[in-house]
């Protein structure tokens, strides 16, 4: 029962964080050009 409740709450939150994390962290770690393109894309 506890797992189901956490899954439902973490599922939507995880998706939102996971989508923004790779763009910001991945872009900065990969290369400055990627980060600049991300800003224009957003």
Protein backbone atom coordinates (compact mmCIF):
# COMPACT_ATOMS: atom_id res chain seq x y z
CA UNK A 1 0.00 0.00 0.00
CA UNK A 2 2.83 2.41 0.87
CA UNK A 3 4.69 1.58 -2.33
CA UNK A 4 1.64 2.32 -4.46
CA UNK A 5 1.15 5.72 -2.83
CA UNK A 6 4.82 6.68 -3.28
CA UNK A 7 4.84 5.41 -6.87
CA UNK A 8 1.87 7.57 -7.82
CA UNK A 9 3.41 10.67 -6.23
CA UNK A 10 6.98 10.01 -7.42
CA UNK A 11 5.94 9.04 -10.97
CA UNK A 12 4.72 12.50 -12.08
CA UNK A 13 7.36 14.32 -10.03
CA UNK A 14 10.18 12.11 -11.30
CA UNK A 15 9.16 12.67 -14.92
CA UNK A 16 9.20 16.45 -14.51
CA UNK A 17 12.57 16.45 -12.71
CA UNK A 18 14.12 13.87 -15.04
CA UNK A 19 13.17 15.93 -18.10
CA UNK A 20 14.74 19.12 -16.73
CA UNK A 21 17.76 17.45 -15.10
CA UNK A 22 19.39 15.99 -18.25
CA UNK A 23 18.83 19.23 -20.18
CA UNK A 24 20.48 21.48 -17.58
CA UNK A 25 23.08 19.12 -16.01
CA UNK A 26 23.76 17.14 -19.21
CA UNK A 27 24.03 20.33 -21.26
CA UNK A 28 26.49 21.94 -18.85
CA UNK A 29 28.63 18.81 -18.52
CA UNK A 30 28.53 17.98 -22.25
CA UNK A 31 29.43 21.37 -23.70
CA UNK A 32 28.66 25.07 -23.46
CA UNK A 33 27.12 25.06 -26.94
CA UNK A 34 24.49 22.53 -25.84
CA UNK A 35 23.51 24.71 -22.88
CA UNK A 36 23.14 27.79 -25.08
CA UNK A 37 20.99 25.88 -27.58
CA UNK A 38 18.82 24.66 -24.67
CA UNK A 39 18.15 28.24 -23.56
CA UNK A 40 17.07 29.23 -27.07
CA UNK A 41 14.99 26.07 -27.47
CA UNK A 42 13.16 26.67 -24.20
